[in-house]
Amino acid sequence: MASDNETSVRVDEGAVAEEEANYRKAVENLMRGSDLLKLHPLRTLKRSFSLEADHENIVYRAPFGIGLWTGLTKTTINLRSVKEIREGYATDVFNRKEKSADFCAKHPPELCFSFVMTSGQTVDLIASDRETREMWILVTRKLIDQAQQAKREERLEKWLIKQFYSADVSGDGFLNFEECMLLLAKMNLQFSREQAEIIFKAAGVLKLKNRSEVLDVNGFHRFYVRLSARPELRALFKRYAWKRGPTWTLENLYRFLVDEQKEWEGQSDIGQDLAETCGWMVETFEPLEENKTLNLLSFAGFRNLMLNSRQMIFSPRCQMVYQDMTHPLQHYFIASSHNTYLVDKQLMGSSSIEGYIDTVLTGCRCLELDCWDGPNGEPMITHGYTMSSKMDFKHALVVLRDYGFKTSEYPLILSLENHCSAPQQQKMAHYLKEIFAERLFTATKADTERLTLPSPEELRGCVFIVAKKLPDGLPDDALEYAEGDVQSKTATGVLNGNKLGNVLQSINNLAQAPVGLLAASKVAKELSDCVFVREVPFRGFVVAKDNGHSHAMDNIPEPKMRSLVQDSREEFIRHTQRHLVRVYPDGLRTDSSNMNPIPAMASGCQIVAFNYQNKSRETQVYRALFADNGGCGYLLKPEFMRQSPPGFPDISQGSVRPLRLKVRVISAQQLPKLVATSDKDITDPYVVVEVFGSDRDMKICNTNSVQNNGFNPTWEEEFHFRVHDPNLAVLRFEVRDMDRRTRDVIGQYSIAVGCVQEGFRHVPLLDSQEQPLDLTTLFVHIEKTVR
């Protein structure tokens, strides 16, 4: 008789088999296709959607019988470009439609879903029934997960097949020599016809009847292998191989990891850990089973190992929360955004929930909500006195509840710029309590009497509000003027119907607004009670010392910050040991540009607010700094910034020993061609290596350019940097094209110096929008020495 355990196993196996069968059936249904409504801001279109046979693309077109070009013109959605799939009314387009009762009755949320693209655009869809929606969501989510988890070798194999068929102009399943020459130009690589013919023939050509020599898909794979040979990697492998043989033993692997990669450096007892790790690496990365059995690593396995994320330049330690999270909030730098709701420029940009979602998913923990009276008694978020669009306050809170703790468990800070009337403030308070429920952290009397703020660990999973607040002890029905607030937006102005006039007026307001403009405003008791940290204007170090409160935050504009850093940096650091300080961008930054964050952070300012929608060099530096400590959005400040004795020596310079950093740029792999580049134009790449930090650490170096090779260029050039403030320094790489007058950036990567791994490392390059360039890397060697 079967035991309970055996019965349970059979039930589990049956359930898994049934689930797999349902999934396969759903895939088949999607490949046959179904009609969905595609939502646009102004209209709804019926389109026929289907999954391609490669399971990597979805295509849609007008169904037969609709329109002049019925069924002919198709649009493709590549699933690798889909960042997320959302259910219900979860995008700006759906949120606007939701206000219509007729729309909600006709298209309930359980029929609606959206593809959110890496570009930020959304494809908003409505299914005819719930079963169809669930089928699309199930299959596409699983395919996206599979694509994201695919090993590099699998992605490379698919990429090669795609390249093969795109180069097969004749469509016969073979590539002749001329087609291969076109492919080389497309792959950003220039060979003479003589060189190319040698590689072509060496790949194992086929001779078909009445045809020139051709390559099939397997021959093309061999052709690619010869093109992408890594002589610099093979030389490194031979250096550690026993008698320069074809494989490494575990001892060879150990010597490489310790001597070159500085693994286990500083650890005294590593024997068992080392043996297990080296054995795991062979088992994981070696492709040949016979080598695995003998604990041997071939060059192919070594190449796989070196392209694994563990061996990339970003330290695995920094990918986890490793810092002490039990200090008061004043002791941390906190990733913060400015005008989070904007996805473009300040004066005429769009306000979107995507701004909140994208920003909070990067690990940002302090977000801004600029609140104004909206129609129908509903508070809205917009950039006041500009032509920026508007969004509902309630929708913003819902997405922050749903997305606020996906990347980080540590406290989410909402900074409210409150311009609302009393009734709408009361509505704001209602939504804060209703939507965040037990996550909303408010101050008790015991909290307010503490000399310091709670720690990130104490506030884990909480949301707290920073805003203007009434004095303590007022009756419940009080409606009083809060303390004057530093106006961080435009000065009050009147808009008319002329768009150009509005913009010019806004610029004029910004230019003429005096620094520290005080704006007293009424605060409803209900909203005041939701506030944990009081926002106050900065009136000087003496006033703050005499009257300052641990549960208050100074709001300082960028120009004032620069003045304080220049004239009183030591006193500024001491001030931030006791008080939270937020620095926000100069009001004249109407293009959403960002300040250099280092001066403010080097003076102890915890919250340096950034326009995350801007992808400039400064933004890349800021995001690189906060990628440390698991990307949780909180960085423990250096010890000298946290120590309180007044006589601490040399506080203005710090006490960190300088670091000598040696960077050798070796090679690059599969650099993409720029979009505007013609097929005949081959890239002439060069590399910019930069340390971005304090004034004394700033340094930029360039390699020479490599002519006509964007596929596998080699430089072997070395640069030296002396970093005095490594806690606030970022190492940056940019690959640029010397061939173009604008020296366009092909790929870039920024990393906090403290997160840089020593040894031979690959650098995964990103595009200008911070999206990964698949299979595109730099190969470098790093040495770090403390002097």
Foldseek 3Di string as FASTA:
>chain_A
DDDPVVVVVVVVVVVVVVVVVVLVVLLVVQQVWDWKWWDDLVDIAIWTWHADPVNFKIKIDHDPPDDDCHPPDIDIDGLLFFPDKAFFQQWPSSQVVVVDPVSCVVQPRLQKMWGQGPVRDITIIGHPDNVNVVSVVVSSVVSSVCVVPDALVVVVLVVLVVLQCVLPPVNPQKADLVSVQLSCLQLLFDDDSVVSVVLLVVLPWDDDPPDDTIGGSSSSVSSVCVVFPDVVLLVVVLVLDDVSDFKHALVSVLCCCCVFQVPPPPPDDCVVVSVVVLLVLCVPQAPDPVCNVVRIHGSNSVVSVQPDPCNFFFHPQQLAQDDDQFDFLLQKFFAAADLQQFLFFQAATEGILSSVQVVLQLQHAEYEFEWEQDPPLFIWGHQPLGNYDIGTPLSNLQSCLVRNPPQAQFEHEYEYNDPYDQSSLLVVLVSVCVRCPPQQDFDDPVQQPDQAHGTRVVSGNHYAYEEFADDPDDDQQDKDKTAWAFDPHFDDDDDDPDNVVSVVVRLVRLVPDDGRDTDIDIHHNSNNRSHHAYEHEDDDLVCCVVPNGNRYEYEHEPVVLVVCLVPPLVSLLLSSLRHAYEYEYRNNRRRQDADQCFSNVLSSHNHYHGHCSDLDPSNQLSSQLCPGSSSNRIDRRDPLSNDNDPPPPPSNQDDAFKKKKKKWFFKKASQRDDPPDDSNDRFFKKKKKWKDHPPVQTDIDIFGTHPSHPHIDTTGDMDMTIGSCLSSIKIKMFMFGPVDPVRDTRWMHIHRSVRTGARWHWAFTADSSRHTDSPITTIMGMDMDGD
